[in-house]
Amino acid sequence: MPNIIRLTLFKIPDPAHLQEAVQKYSTLSQDAVKDGKPYIPLAQGTATYDDPRSQGYNFIARTAFDSKEDMDYYDNECSAHGQIKALLKGRVGGPPLVVYMNAE
Protein backbone atom coordinates (compact mmCIF):
# COMPACT_ATOMS: atom_id res chain seq x y z
CA MET A 1 0.00 0.00 0.00
CA PRO A 2 1.37 3.45 -0.89
CA ASN A 3 2.49 5.74 1.92
CA ILE A 4 1.99 9.14 0.26
CA ILE A 5 -0.96 10.53 -1.69
CA ARG A 6 -0.32 13.67 -3.71
CA LEU A 7 -2.89 15.92 -5.35
CA THR A 8 -1.83 18.46 -7.94
CA LEU A 9 -4.44 20.96 -9.11
CA PHE A 10 -4.14 22.74 -12.45
CA LYS A 11 -5.98 25.47 -14.31
CA ILE A 12 -6.04 24.29 -17.94
CA PRO A 13 -8.21 26.68 -19.98
CA ASP A 14 -8.27 24.78 -23.31
CA PRO A 15 -10.50 21.64 -23.23
CA ALA A 16 -8.25 19.89 -25.78
CA HIS A 17 -5.20 20.38 -23.55
CA LEU A 18 -7.19 19.18 -20.56
CA GLN A 19 -8.02 15.95 -22.44
CA GLU A 20 -4.33 15.49 -23.31
CA ALA A 21 -3.46 15.77 -19.61
CA VAL A 22 -6.11 13.18 -18.69
CA GLN A 23 -4.62 10.79 -21.26
CA LYS A 24 -1.02 11.33 -20.08
CA TYR A 25 -1.90 10.63 -16.46
CA SER A 26 -3.88 7.51 -17.43
CA THR A 27 -0.64 5.74 -18.43
CA LEU A 28 1.73 7.33 -15.91
CA SER A 29 1.83 4.26 -13.62
CA GLN A 30 3.26 2.25 -16.52
CA ASP A 31 5.35 5.01 -18.12
CA ALA A 32 7.19 6.15 -14.97
CA VAL A 33 10.11 3.85 -14.21
CA LYS A 34 12.86 3.97 -11.61
CA ASP A 35 15.70 1.46 -11.66
CA GLY A 36 14.04 -0.21 -14.64
CA LYS A 37 10.64 -0.84 -13.06
CA PRO A 38 7.41 1.08 -12.43
CA TYR A 39 7.44 2.91 -9.10
CA ILE A 40 4.13 4.82 -8.97
CA PRO A 41 1.40 2.50 -7.66
CA LEU A 42 -1.44 4.86 -8.59
CA ALA A 43 -1.75 7.76 -11.02
CA GLN A 44 -4.85 9.32 -12.47
CA GLY A 45 -5.91 12.64 -13.89
CA THR A 46 -9.47 13.88 -13.75
CA ALA A 47 -11.35 16.97 -14.84
CA THR A 48 -13.27 18.64 -12.01
CA TYR A 49 -16.89 19.71 -11.94
CA ASP A 50 -17.44 23.27 -13.09
CA ASP A 51 -18.03 24.97 -9.75
CA PRO A 52 -17.04 28.43 -8.48
CA ARG A 53 -15.61 26.85 -5.32
CA SER A 54 -12.89 25.29 -7.48
CA GLN A 55 -11.44 28.78 -8.05
CA GLY A 56 -10.59 27.97 -11.66
CA TYR A 57 -8.80 24.69 -10.95
CA ASN A 58 -10.28 22.26 -13.44
CA PHE A 59 -7.88 19.30 -13.45
CA ILE A 60 -6.61 17.15 -10.59
CA ALA A 61 -3.68 14.77 -10.85
CA ARG A 62 -3.69 12.14 -8.11
CA THR A 63 -0.48 10.19 -7.61
CA ALA A 64 0.60 7.74 -4.93
CA PHE A 65 4.14 7.01 -3.85
CA ASP A 66 5.69 4.42 -1.58
CA SER A 67 8.14 6.96 -0.14
CA LYS A 68 9.11 10.62 -0.08
CA GLU A 69 12.25 9.59 -1.97
CA ASP A 70 10.10 8.24 -4.81
CA MET A 71 8.14 11.50 -4.88
CA ASP A 72 11.39 13.49 -4.99
CA TYR A 73 12.62 11.29 -7.85
CA TYR A 74 9.35 11.97 -9.67
CA ASP A 75 9.79 15.72 -9.25
CA ASN A 76 13.45 15.91 -10.22
CA GLU A 77 14.48 12.95 -12.39
CA CYS A 78 11.51 11.06 -13.84
CA SER A 79 11.40 11.30 -17.63
CA ALA A 80 7.66 10.48 -17.74
CA HIS A 81 6.99 13.44 -15.43
CA GLY A 82 9.28 15.55 -17.61
CA GLN A 83 7.07 14.71 -20.59
CA ILE A 84 3.98 15.83 -18.68
CA LYS A 85 5.69 19.08 -17.70
CA ALA A 86 6.66 19.68 -21.33
CA LEU A 87 3.11 18.93 -22.49
CA LEU A 88 1.58 21.41 -20.04
CA LYS A 89 4.22 24.14 -20.28
CA GLY A 90 2.55 27.35 -21.40
CA ARG A 91 -0.87 25.70 -21.33
CA VAL A 92 -1.77 26.20 -17.68
CA GLY A 93 -3.07 29.29 -15.94
CA GLY A 94 -0.48 29.89 -13.26
CA PRO A 95 1.52 27.46 -11.18
CA PRO A 96 -0.19 24.27 -10.01
CA LEU A 97 -1.24 23.77 -6.41
CA VAL A 98 0.46 20.69 -4.93
CA VAL A 99 -0.50 19.05 -1.64
CA TYR A 100 0.53 15.68 -0.28
CA MET A 101 -0.32 13.65 2.79
CA ASN A 102 0.12 10.30 4.47
CA ALA A 103 -2.04 7.65 2.86
CA GLU A 104 -3.32 6.37 6.22
PDB file of N, CA and C in Angstrom:
ATOM      1  N   MET A   1       0.841  -1.190   0.000  1.00  0.00           N
ATOM      2  CA  MET A   1       0.000   0.000   0.000  1.00  0.00           C
ATOM      3  C   MET A   1       0.879   1.244   0.000  1.00  0.00           C
ATOM      4  N   PRO A   2       0.564   2.225  -0.836  1.00  0.00           N
ATOM      5  CA  PRO A   2       1.374   3.454  -0.892  1.00  0.00           C
ATOM      6  C   PRO A   2       1.330   4.216   0.432  1.00  0.00           C
ATOM      7  N   ASN A   3       2.384   4.953   0.692  1.00  0.00           N
ATOM      8  CA  ASN A   3       2.486   5.738   1.921  1.00  0.00           C
ATOM      9  C   ASN A   3       2.111   7.200   1.742  1.00  0.00           C
ATOM     10  N   ILE A   4       2.232   7.714   0.516  1.00  0.00           N
ATOM     11  CA  ILE A   4       1.992   9.139   0.263  1.00  0.00           C
ATOM     12  C   ILE A   4       0.979   9.292  -0.869  1.00  0.00           C
ATOM     13  N   ILE A   5      -0.008  10.135  -0.645  1.00  0.00           N
ATOM     14  CA  ILE A   5      -0.962  10.529  -1.688  1.00  0.00           C
ATOM     15  C   ILE A   5      -0.698  11.995  -2.002  1.00  0.00           C
ATOM     16  N   ARG A   6      -0.596  12.294  -3.281  1.00  0.00           N
ATOM     17  CA  ARG A   6      -0.320  13.665  -3.713  1.00  0.00           C
ATOM     18  C   ARG A   6      -1.400  14.110  -4.683  1.00  0.00           C
ATOM     19  N   LEU A   7      -1.913  15.304  -4.453  1.00  0.00           N
ATOM     20  CA  LEU A   7      -2.890  15.916  -5.346  1.00  0.00           C
ATOM     21  C   LEU A   7      -2.276  17.171  -5.937  1.00  0.00           C
ATOM     22  N   THR A   8      -2.338  17.278  -7.247  1.00  0.00           N
ATOM     23  CA  THR A   8      -1.834  18.456  -7.941  1.00  0.00           C
ATOM     24  C   THR A   8      -2.988  19.038  -8.738  1.00  0.00           C
ATOM     25  N   LEU A   9      -3.310  20.299  -8.462  1.00  0.00           N
ATOM     26  CA  LEU A   9      -4.437  20.964  -9.110  1.00  0.00           C
ATOM     27  C   LEU A   9      -3.926  21.949 -10.151  1.00  0.00           C
ATOM     28  N   PHE A  10      -4.528  21.882 -11.337  1.00  0.00           N
ATOM     29  CA  PHE A  10      -4.139  22.735 -12.452  1.00  0.00           C
ATOM     30  C   PHE A  10      -5.329  23.547 -12.944  1.00  0.00           C
ATOM     31  N   LYS A  11      -5.013  24.676 -13.553  1.00  0.00           N
ATOM     32  CA  LYS A  11      -5.981  25.465 -14.312  1.00  0.00           C
ATOM     33  C   LYS A  11      -5.581  25.325 -15.777  1.00  0.00           C
ATOM     34  N   ILE A  12      -6.340  24.541 -16.528  1.00  0.00           N
ATOM     35  CA  ILE A  12      -6.042  24.287 -17.942  1.00  0.00           C
ATOM     36  C   ILE A  12      -7.214  24.830 -18.751  1.00  0.00           C
ATOM     37  N   PRO A  13      -7.067  26.027 -19.334  1.00  0.00           N
ATOM     38  CA  PRO A  13      -8.209  26.676 -19.983  1.00  0.00           C
ATOM     39  C   PRO A  13      -8.722  25.982 -21.248  1.00  0.00           C
ATOM     40  N   ASP A  14      -7.854  25.376 -22.034  1.00  0.00           N
ATOM     41  CA  ASP A  14      -8.270  24.779 -23.306  1.00  0.00           C
ATOM     42  C   ASP A  14      -8.735  23.330 -23.080  1.00  0.00           C
ATOM     43  N   PRO A  15      -9.988  23.006 -23.429  1.00  0.00           N
ATOM     44  CA  PRO A  15     -10.498  21.641 -23.229  1.00  0.00           C
ATOM     45  C   PRO A  15      -9.667  20.561 -23.929  1.00  0.00           C
ATOM     46  N   ALA A  16      -9.086  20.876 -25.075  1.00  0.00           N
ATOM     47  CA  ALA A  16      -8.251  19.894 -25.775  1.00  0.00           C
ATOM     48  C   ALA A  16      -6.994  19.580 -24.968  1.00  0.00           C
ATOM     49  N   HIS A  17      -6.391  20.599 -24.370  1.00  0.00           N
ATOM     50  CA  HIS A  17      -5.201  20.383 -23.547  1.00  0.00           C
ATOM     51  C   HIS A  17      -5.559  19.620 -22.273  1.00  0.00           C
ATOM     52  N   LEU A  18      -6.728  19.897 -21.749  1.00  0.00           N
ATOM     53  CA  LEU A  18      -7.193  19.176 -20.564  1.00  0.00           C
ATOM     54  C   LEU A  18      -7.324  17.686 -20.880  1.00  0.00           C
ATOM     55  N   GLN A  19      -7.878  17.348 -22.038  1.00  0.00           N
ATOM     56  CA  GLN A  19      -8.016  15.946 -22.444  1.00  0.00           C
ATOM     57  C   GLN A  19      -6.653  15.283 -22.615  1.00  0.00           C
ATOM     58  N   GLU A  20      -5.683  16.024 -23.166  1.00  0.00           N
ATOM     59  CA  GLU A  20      -4.328  15.487 -23.306  1.00  0.00           C
ATOM     60  C   GLU A  20      -3.739  15.155 -21.941  1.00  0.00           C
ATOM     61  N   ALA A  21      -3.974  16.010 -20.961  1.00  0.00           N
ATOM     62  CA  ALA A  21      -3.462  15.774 -19.608  1.00  0.00           C
ATOM     63  C   ALA A  21      -4.112  14.528 -19.003  1.00  0.00           C
ATOM     64  N   VAL A  22      -5.414  14.369 -19.189  1.00  0.00           N
ATOM     65  CA  VAL A  22      -6.109  13.176 -18.691  1.00  0.00           C
ATOM     66  C   VAL A  22      -5.474  11.924 -19.289  1.00  0.00           C
ATOM     67  N   GLN A  23      -5.211  11.950 -20.589  1.00  0.00           N
ATOM     68  CA  GLN A  23      -4.617  10.792 -21.261  1.00  0.00           C
ATOM     69  C   GLN A  23      -3.213  10.497 -20.742  1.00  0.00           C
ATOM     70  N   LYS A  24      -2.397  11.518 -20.566  1.00  0.00           N
ATOM     71  CA  LYS A  24      -1.023  11.327 -20.085  1.00  0.00           C
ATOM     72  C   LYS A  24      -1.009  10.690 -18.701  1.00  0.00           C
ATOM     73  N   TYR A  25      -1.873  11.183 -17.819  1.00  0.00           N
ATOM     74  CA  TYR A  25      -1.902  10.635 -16.462  1.00  0.00           C
ATOM     75  C   TYR A  25      -2.483   9.227 -16.429  1.00  0.00           C
ATOM     76  N   SER A  26      -3.285   8.853 -17.421  1.00  0.00           N
ATOM     77  CA  SER A  26      -3.884   7.513 -17.425  1.00  0.00           C
ATOM     78  C   SER A  26      -2.842   6.415 -17.627  1.00  0.00           C
ATOM     79  N   THR A  27      -1.694   6.744 -18.205  1.00  0.00           N
ATOM     80  CA  THR A  27      -0.645   5.742 -18.427  1.00  0.00           C
ATOM     81  C   THR A  27       0.597   5.988 -17.567  1.00  0.00           C
ATOM     82  N   LEU A  28       0.544   6.967 -16.690  1.00  0.00           N
ATOM     83  CA  LEU A  28       1.732   7.333 -15.908  1.00  0.00           C
ATOM     84  C   LEU A  28       2.248   6.181 -15.051  1.00  0.00           C
ATOM     85  N   SER A  29       1.383   5.382 -14.466  1.00  0.00           N
ATOM     86  CA  SER A  29       1.833   4.264 -13.623  1.00  0.00           C
ATOM     87  C   SER A  29       2.704   3.281 -14.401  1.00  0.00           C
ATOM     88  N   GLN A  30       2.443   3.129 -15.692  1.00  0.00           N
ATOM     89  CA  GLN A  30       3.263   2.247 -16.522  1.00  0.00           C
ATOM     90  C   GLN A  30       4.468   2.977 -17.109  1.00  0.00           C
ATOM     91  N   ASP A  31       4.299   4.253 -17.446  1.00  0.00           N
ATOM     92  CA  ASP A  31       5.354   5.014 -18.119  1.00  0.00           C
ATOM     93  C   ASP A  31       6.489   5.424 -17.188  1.00  0.00           C
ATOM     94  N   ALA A  32       6.181   5.664 -15.927  1.00  0.00           N
ATOM     95  CA  ALA A  32       7.185   6.146 -14.973  1.00  0.00           C
ATOM     96  C   ALA A  32       7.969   4.961 -14.414  1.00  0.00           C
ATOM     97  N   VAL A  33       9.265   4.933 -14.698  1.00  0.00           N
ATOM     98  CA  VAL A  33      10.113   3.849 -14.205  1.00  0.00           C
ATOM     99  C   VAL A  33      11.305   4.408 -13.435  1.00  0.00           C
ATOM    100  N   LYS A  34      11.693   3.648 -12.435  1.00  0.00           N
ATOM    101  CA  LYS A  34      12.857   3.974 -11.608  1.00  0.00           C
ATOM    102  C   LYS A  34      13.615   2.667 -11.428  1.00  0.00           C
ATOM    103  N   ASP A  35      14.887   2.683 -11.721  1.00  0.00           N
ATOM    104  CA  ASP A  35      15.696   1.461 -11.658  1.00  0.00           C
ATOM    105  C   ASP A  35      15.101   0.353 -12.527  1.00  0.00           C
ATOM    106  N   GLY A  36      14.537   0.750 -13.672  1.00  0.00           N
ATOM    107  CA  GLY A  36      14.035  -0.211 -14.637  1.00  0.00           C
ATOM    108  C   GLY A  36      12.659  -0.787 -14.372  1.00  0.00           C
ATOM    109  N   LYS A  37      11.978  -0.310 -13.329  1.00  0.00           N
ATOM    110  CA  LYS A  37      10.641  -0.843 -13.057  1.00  0.00           C
ATOM    111  C   LYS A  37       9.693   0.266 -12.620  1.00  0.00           C
ATOM    112  N   PRO A  38       8.384   0.069 -12.838  1.00  0.00           N
ATOM    113  CA  PRO A  38       7.405   1.084 -12.428  1.00  0.00           C
ATOM    114  C   PRO A  38       7.486   1.332 -10.918  1.00  0.00           C
ATOM    115  N   TYR A  39       7.315   2.577 -10.518  1.00  0.00           N
ATOM    116  CA  TYR A  39       7.439   2.914  -9.099  1.00  0.00           C
ATOM    117  C   TYR A  39       6.272   3.753  -8.575  1.00  0.00           C
ATOM    118  N   ILE A  40       5.304   4.049  -9.411  1.00  0.00           N
ATOM    119  CA  ILE A  40       4.134   4.816  -8.975  1.00  0.00           C
ATOM    120  C   ILE A  40       2.943   3.857  -8.947  1.00  0.00           C
ATOM    121  N   PRO A  41       2.482   3.477  -7.743  1.00  0.00           N
ATOM    122  CA  PRO A  41       1.395   2.500  -7.663  1.00  0.00           C
ATOM    123  C   PRO A  41       0.052   3.000  -8.193  1.00  0.00           C
ATOM    124  N   LEU A  42      -0.164   4.311  -8.144  1.00  0.00           N
ATOM    125  CA  LEU A  42      -1.444   4.859  -8.591  1.00  0.00           C
ATOM    126  C   LEU A  42      -1.215   6.226  -9.206  1.00  0.00           C
ATOM    127  N   ALA A  43      -1.783   6.436 -10.377  1.00  0.00           N
ATOM    128  CA  ALA A  43      -1.746   7.759 -11.016  1.00  0.00           C
ATOM    129  C   ALA A  43      -3.015   7.912 -11.843  1.00  0.00           C
ATOM    130  N   GLN A  44      -3.671   9.036 -11.660  1.00  0.00           N
ATOM    131  CA  GLN A  44      -4.848   9.318 -12.473  1.00  0.00           C
ATOM    132  C   GLN A  44      -5.047  10.825 -12.572  1.00  0.00           C
ATOM    133  N   GLY A  45      -5.586  11.239 -13.678  1.00  0.00           N
ATOM    134  CA  GLY A  45      -5.909  12.640 -13.887  1.00  0.00           C
ATOM    135  C   GLY A  45      -7.383  12.764 -14.218  1.00  0.00           C
ATOM    136  N   THR A  46      -8.033  13.742 -13.607  1.00  0.00           N
ATOM    137  CA  THR A  46      -9.473  13.881 -13.747  1.00  0.00           C
ATOM    138  C   THR A  46      -9.859  15.348 -13.867  1.00  0.00           C
ATOM    139  N   ALA A  47     -10.775  15.629 -14.772  1.00  0.00           N
ATOM    140  CA  ALA A  47     -11.349  16.975 -14.838  1.00  0.00           C
ATOM    141  C   ALA A  47     -12.304  17.145 -13.662  1.00  0.00           C
ATOM    142  N   THR A  48     -12.373  18.357 -13.138  1.00  0.00           N
ATOM    143  CA  THR A  48     -13.267  18.635 -12.011  1.00  0.00           C
ATOM    144  C   THR A  48     -14.641  19.065 -12.526  1.00  0.00           C
ATOM    145  N   TYR A  49     -15.601  19.105 -11.620  1.00  0.00           N
ATOM    146  CA  TYR A  49     -16.888  19.706 -11.944  1.00  0.00           C
ATOM    147  C   TYR A  49     -16.696  21.211 -12.084  1.00  0.00           C
ATOM    148  N   ASP A  50     -17.474  21.815 -12.940  1.00  0.00           N
ATOM    149  CA  ASP A  50     -17.436  23.267 -13.093  1.00  0.00           C
ATOM    150  C   ASP A  50     -18.185  23.880 -11.916  1.00  0.00           C
ATOM    151  N   ASP A  51     -17.440  24.452 -10.982  1.00  0.00           N
ATOM    152  CA  ASP A  51     -18.027  24.968  -9.748  1.00  0.00           C
ATOM    153  C   ASP A  51     -17.189  26.150  -9.282  1.00  0.00           C
ATOM    154  N   PRO A  52     -17.813  27.259  -8.902  1.00  0.00           N
ATOM    155  CA  PRO A  52     -17.039  28.431  -8.478  1.00  0.00           C
ATOM    156  C   PRO A  52     -16.126  28.159  -7.285  1.00  0.00           C
ATOM    157  N   ARG A  53     -16.471  27.170  -6.467  1.00  0.00           N
ATOM    158  CA  ARG A  53     -15.615  26.850  -5.319  1.00  0.00           C
ATOM    159  C   ARG A  53     -14.269  26.278  -5.738  1.00  0.00           C
ATOM    160  N   SER A  54     -14.157  25.830  -6.977  1.00  0.00           N
ATOM    161  CA  SER A  54     -12.890  25.287  -7.482  1.00  0.00           C
ATOM    162  C   SER A  54     -11.876  26.371  -7.812  1.00  0.00           C
ATOM    163  N   GLN A  55     -12.313  27.626  -7.817  1.00  0.00           N
ATOM    164  CA  GLN A  55     -11.441  28.783  -8.048  1.00  0.00           C
ATOM    165  C   GLN A  55     -10.633  28.668  -9.342  1.00  0.00           C
ATOM    166  N   GLY A  56     -11.240  28.075 -10.363  1.00  0.00           N
ATOM    167  CA  GLY A  56     -10.587  27.973 -11.657  1.00  0.00           C
ATOM    168  C   GLY A  56      -9.781  26.704 -11.859  1.00  0.00           C
ATOM    169  N   TYR A  57      -9.505  25.963 -10.793  1.00  0.00           N
ATOM    170  CA  TYR A  57      -8.796  24.687 -10.948  1.00  0.00           C
ATOM    171  C   TYR A  57      -9.764  23.691 -11.572  1.00  0.00           C
ATOM    172  N   ASN A  58      -9.363  23.141 -12.724  1.00  0.00           N
ATOM    173  CA  ASN A  58     -10.281  22.262 -13.442  1.00  0.00           C
ATOM    174  C   ASN A  58      -9.697  20.891 -13.760  1.00  0.00           C
ATOM    175  N   PHE A  59      -8.518  20.603 -13.227  1.00  0.00           N
ATOM    176  CA  PHE A  59      -7.880  19.302 -13.446  1.00  0.00           C
ATOM    177  C   PHE A  59      -7.124  18.907 -12.188  1.00  0.00           C
ATOM    178  N   ILE A  60      -7.321  17.665 -11.757  1.00  0.00           N
ATOM    179  CA  ILE A  60      -6.614  17.151 -10.586  1.00  0.00           C
ATOM    180  C   ILE A  60      -5.824  15.917 -10.990  1.00  0.00           C
ATOM    181  N   ALA A  61      -4.536  15.941 -10.679  1.00  0.00           N
ATOM    182  CA  ALA A  61      -3.684  14.769 -10.848  1.00  0.00           C
ATOM    183  C   ALA A  61      -3.496  14.142  -9.473  1.00  0.00           C
ATOM    184  N   ARG A  62      -3.848  12.873  -9.369  1.00  0.00           N
ATOM    185  CA  ARG A  62      -3.685  12.141  -8.107  1.00  0.00           C
ATOM    186  C   ARG A  62      -2.611  11.088  -8.322  1.00  0.00           C
ATOM    187  N   THR A  63      -1.565  11.162  -7.520  1.00  0.00           N
ATOM    188  CA  THR A  63      -0.479  10.194  -7.611  1.00  0.00           C
ATOM    189  C   THR A  63      -0.196   9.636  -6.228  1.00  0.00           C
ATOM    190  N   ALA A  64       0.239   8.386  -6.189  1.00  0.00           N
ATOM    191  CA  ALA A  64       0.596   7.736  -4.931  1.00  0.00           C
ATOM    192  C   ALA A  64       2.044   7.276  -5.026  1.00  0.00           C
ATOM    193  N   PHE A  65       2.734   7.391  -3.915  1.00  0.00           N
ATOM    194  CA  PHE A  65       4.143   7.005  -3.855  1.00  0.00           C
ATOM    195  C   PHE A  65       4.384   6.151  -2.617  1.00  0.00           C
ATOM    196  N   ASP A  66       5.335   5.239  -2.726  1.00  0.00           N
ATOM    197  CA  ASP A  66       5.690   4.415  -1.579  1.00  0.00           C
ATOM    198  C   ASP A  66       6.546   5.171  -0.574  1.00  0.00           C
ATOM    199  N   SER A  67       7.242   6.220  -1.038  1.00  0.00           N
ATOM    200  CA  SER A  67       8.137   6.959  -0.142  1.00  0.00           C
ATOM    201  C   SER A  67       8.307   8.397  -0.623  1.00  0.00           C
ATOM    202  N   LYS A  68       8.780   9.228   0.272  1.00  0.00           N
ATOM    203  CA  LYS A  68       9.114  10.622  -0.077  1.00  0.00           C
ATOM    204  C   LYS A  68      10.236  10.631  -1.109  1.00  0.00           C
ATOM    205  N   GLU A  69      11.154   9.685  -1.003  1.00  0.00           N
ATOM    206  CA  GLU A  69      12.254   9.588  -1.969  1.00  0.00           C
ATOM    207  C   GLU A  69      11.719   9.335  -3.377  1.00  0.00           C
ATOM    208  N   ASP A  70      10.707   8.474  -3.493  1.00  0.00           N
ATOM    209  CA  ASP A  70      10.097   8.236  -4.807  1.00  0.00           C
ATOM    210  C   ASP A  70       9.430   9.500  -5.334  1.00  0.00           C
ATOM    211  N   MET A  71       8.774  10.255  -4.450  1.00  0.00           N
ATOM    212  CA  MET A  71       8.140  11.498  -4.879  1.00  0.00           C
ATOM    213  C   MET A  71       9.196  12.512  -5.323  1.00  0.00           C
ATOM    214  N   ASP A  72      10.307  12.586  -4.600  1.00  0.00           N
ATOM    215  CA  ASP A  72      11.391  13.488  -4.994  1.00  0.00           C
ATOM    216  C   ASP A  72      11.983  13.078  -6.339  1.00  0.00           C
ATOM    217  N   TYR A  73      12.133  11.779  -6.560  1.00  0.00           N
ATOM    218  CA  TYR A  73      12.620  11.286  -7.846  1.00  0.00           C
ATOM    219  C   TYR A  73      11.657  11.716  -8.956  1.00  0.00           C
ATOM    220  N   TYR A  74      10.378  11.565  -8.706  1.00  0.00           N
ATOM    221  CA  TYR A  74       9.351  11.966  -9.669  1.00  0.00           C
ATOM    222  C   TYR A  74       9.497  13.443 -10.024  1.00  0.00           C
ATOM    223  N   ASP A  75       9.685  14.275  -9.020  1.00  0.00           N
ATOM    224  CA  ASP A  75       9.794  15.719  -9.249  1.00  0.00           C
ATOM    225  C   ASP A  75      11.058  16.113  -9.996  1.00  0.00           C
ATOM    226  N   ASN A  76      12.157  15.434  -9.735  1.00  0.00           N
ATOM    227  CA  ASN A  76      13.455  15.906 -10.216  1.00  0.00           C
ATOM    228  C   ASN A  76      14.107  15.084 -11.316  1.00  0.00           C
ATOM    229  N   GLU A  77      13.740  13.803 -11.458  1.00  0.00           N
ATOM    230  CA  GLU A  77      14.477  12.951 -12.389  1.00  0.00           C
ATOM    231  C   GLU A  77      13.620  12.131 -13.346  1.00  0.00           C
ATOM    232  N   CYS A  78      12.363  11.961 -13.058  1.00  0.00           N
ATOM    233  CA  CYS A  78      11.505  11.063 -13.836  1.00  0.00           C
ATOM    234  C   CYS A  78      11.251  11.614 -15.246  1.00  0.00           C
ATOM    235  N   SER A  79      11.600  10.833 -16.250  1.00  0.00           N
ATOM    236  CA  SER A  79      11.403  11.296 -17.628  1.00  0.00           C
ATOM    237  C   SER A  79       9.916  11.349 -17.998  1.00  0.00           C
ATOM    238  N   ALA A  80       9.101  10.446 -17.459  1.00  0.00           N
ATOM    239  CA  ALA A  80       7.657  10.484 -17.743  1.00  0.00           C
ATOM    240  C   ALA A  80       7.040  11.765 -17.184  1.00  0.00           C
ATOM    241  N   HIS A  81       7.481  12.183 -16.001  1.00  0.00           N
ATOM    242  CA  HIS A  81       6.989  13.437 -15.430  1.00  0.00           C
ATOM    243  C   HIS A  81       7.508  14.617 -16.255  1.00  0.00           C
ATOM    244  N   GLY A  82       8.735  14.511 -16.732  1.00  0.00           N
ATOM    245  CA  GLY A  82       9.283  15.549 -17.609  1.00  0.00           C
ATOM    246  C   GLY A  82       8.445  15.728 -18.866  1.00  0.00           C
ATOM    247  N   GLN A  83       7.934  14.629 -19.405  1.00  0.00           N
ATOM    248  CA  GLN A  83       7.074  14.706 -20.588  1.00  0.00           C
ATOM    249  C   GLN A  83       5.758  15.410 -20.267  1.00  0.00           C
ATOM    250  N   ILE A  84       5.216  15.151 -19.086  1.00  0.00           N
ATOM    251  CA  ILE A  84       3.980  15.830 -18.681  1.00  0.00           C
ATOM    252  C   ILE A  84       4.236  17.321 -18.507  1.00  0.00           C
ATOM    253  N   LYS A  85       5.346  17.662 -17.873  1.00  0.00           N
ATOM    254  CA  LYS A  85       5.694  19.079 -17.696  1.00  0.00           C
ATOM    255  C   LYS A  85       5.827  19.767 -19.054  1.00  0.00           C
ATOM    256  N   ALA A  86       6.484  19.099 -19.999  1.00  0.00           N
ATOM    257  CA  ALA A  86       6.659  19.676 -21.333  1.00  0.00           C
ATOM    258  C   ALA A  86       5.312  19.841 -22.035  1.00  0.00           C
ATOM    259  N   LEU A  87       4.434  18.862 -21.874  1.00  0.00           N
ATOM    260  CA  LEU A  87       3.106  18.929 -22.487  1.00  0.00           C
ATOM    261  C   LEU A  87       2.313  20.119 -21.960  1.00  0.00           C
ATOM    262  N   LEU A  88       2.397  20.368 -20.659  1.00  0.00           N
ATOM    263  CA  LEU A  88       1.580  21.412 -20.039  1.00  0.00           C
ATOM    264  C   LEU A  88       2.238  22.788 -20.013  1.00  0.00           C
ATOM    265  N   LYS A  89       3.520  22.856 -20.322  1.00  0.00           N
ATOM    266  CA  LYS A  89       4.218  24.142 -20.276  1.00  0.00           C
ATOM    267  C   LYS A  89       3.541  25.155 -21.199  1.00  0.00           C
ATOM    268  N   GLY A  90       3.207  26.301 -20.635  1.00  0.00           N
ATOM    269  CA  GLY A  90       2.551  27.354 -21.400  1.00  0.00           C
ATOM    270  C   GLY A  90       1.064  27.130 -21.626  1.00  0.00           C
ATOM    271  N   ARG A  91       0.545  26.023 -21.114  1.00  0.00           N
ATOM    272  CA  ARG A  91      -0.866  25.697 -21.328  1.00  0.00           C
ATOM    273  C   ARG A  91      -1.691  25.784 -20.053  1.00  0.00           C
ATOM    274  N   VAL A  92      -1.052  26.123 -18.955  1.00  0.00           N
ATOM    275  CA  VAL A  92      -1.769  26.203 -17.680  1.00  0.00           C
ATOM    276  C   VAL A  92      -1.841  27.648 -17.221  1.00  0.00           C
ATOM    277  N   GLY A  93      -2.890  27.943 -16.479  1.00  0.00           N
ATOM    278  CA  GLY A  93      -3.070  29.289 -15.942  1.00  0.00           C
ATOM    279  C   GLY A  93      -2.435  29.397 -14.573  1.00  0.00           C
ATOM    280  N   GLY A  94      -1.180  29.741 -14.533  1.00  0.00           N
ATOM    281  CA  GLY A  94      -0.478  29.890 -13.260  1.00  0.00           C
ATOM    282  C   GLY A  94       0.122  28.589 -12.786  1.00  0.00           C
ATOM    283  N   PRO A  95       0.878  28.675 -11.695  1.00  0.00           N
ATOM    284  CA  PRO A  95       1.518  27.460 -11.180  1.00  0.00           C
ATOM    285  C   PRO A  95       0.479  26.514 -10.574  1.00  0.00           C
ATOM    286  N   PRO A  96       0.749  25.206 -10.622  1.00  0.00           N
ATOM    287  CA  PRO A  96      -0.187  24.267 -10.013  1.00  0.00           C
ATOM    288  C   PRO A  96      -0.130  24.349  -8.487  1.00  0.00           C
ATOM    289  N   LEU A  97      -1.180  23.886  -7.868  1.00  0.00           N
ATOM    290  CA  LEU A  97      -1.241  23.768  -6.414  1.00  0.00           C
ATOM    291  C   LEU A  97      -0.969  22.309  -6.075  1.00  0.00           C
ATOM    292  N   VAL A  98       0.065  22.057  -5.272  1.00  0.00           N
ATOM    293  CA  VAL A  98       0.460  20.692  -4.925  1.00  0.00           C
ATOM    294  C   VAL A  98       0.310  20.494  -3.424  1.00  0.00           C
ATOM    295  N   VAL A  99      -0.402  19.443  -3.048  1.00  0.00           N
ATOM    296  CA  VAL A  99      -0.505  19.048  -1.641  1.00  0.00           C
ATOM    297  C   VAL A  99      -0.270  17.543  -1.561  1.00  0.00           C
ATOM    298  N   TYR A 100       0.363  17.114  -0.479  1.00  0.00           N
ATOM    299  CA  TYR A 100       0.525  15.676  -0.282  1.00  0.00           C
ATOM    300  C   TYR A 100       0.365  15.345   1.187  1.00  0.00           C
ATOM    301  N   MET A 101       0.012  14.075   1.437  1.00  0.00           N
ATOM    302  CA  MET A 101      -0.316  13.651   2.795  1.00  0.00           C
ATOM    303  C   MET A 101      -0.010  12.175   2.963  1.00  0.00           C
ATOM    304  N   ASN A 102       0.003  11.726   4.198  1.00  0.00           N
ATOM    305  CA  ASN A 102       0.122  10.303   4.468  1.00  0.00           C
ATOM    306  C   ASN A 102      -1.116   9.602   3.937  1.00  0.00           C
ATOM    307  N   ALA A 103      -0.935   8.398   3.452  1.00  0.00           N
ATOM    308  CA  ALA A 103      -2.038   7.650   2.857  1.00  0.00           C
ATOM    309  C   ALA A 103      -2.920   6.968   3.899  1.00  0.00           C
ATOM    310  N   GLU A 104      -2.567   7.047   5.142  1.00  0.00           N
ATOM    311  CA  GLU A 104      -3.318   6.370   6.216  1.00  0.00           C
ATOM    312  C   GLU A 104      -4.744   6.830   6.286  1.00  0.00           C
TER     313      GLU A 104
END
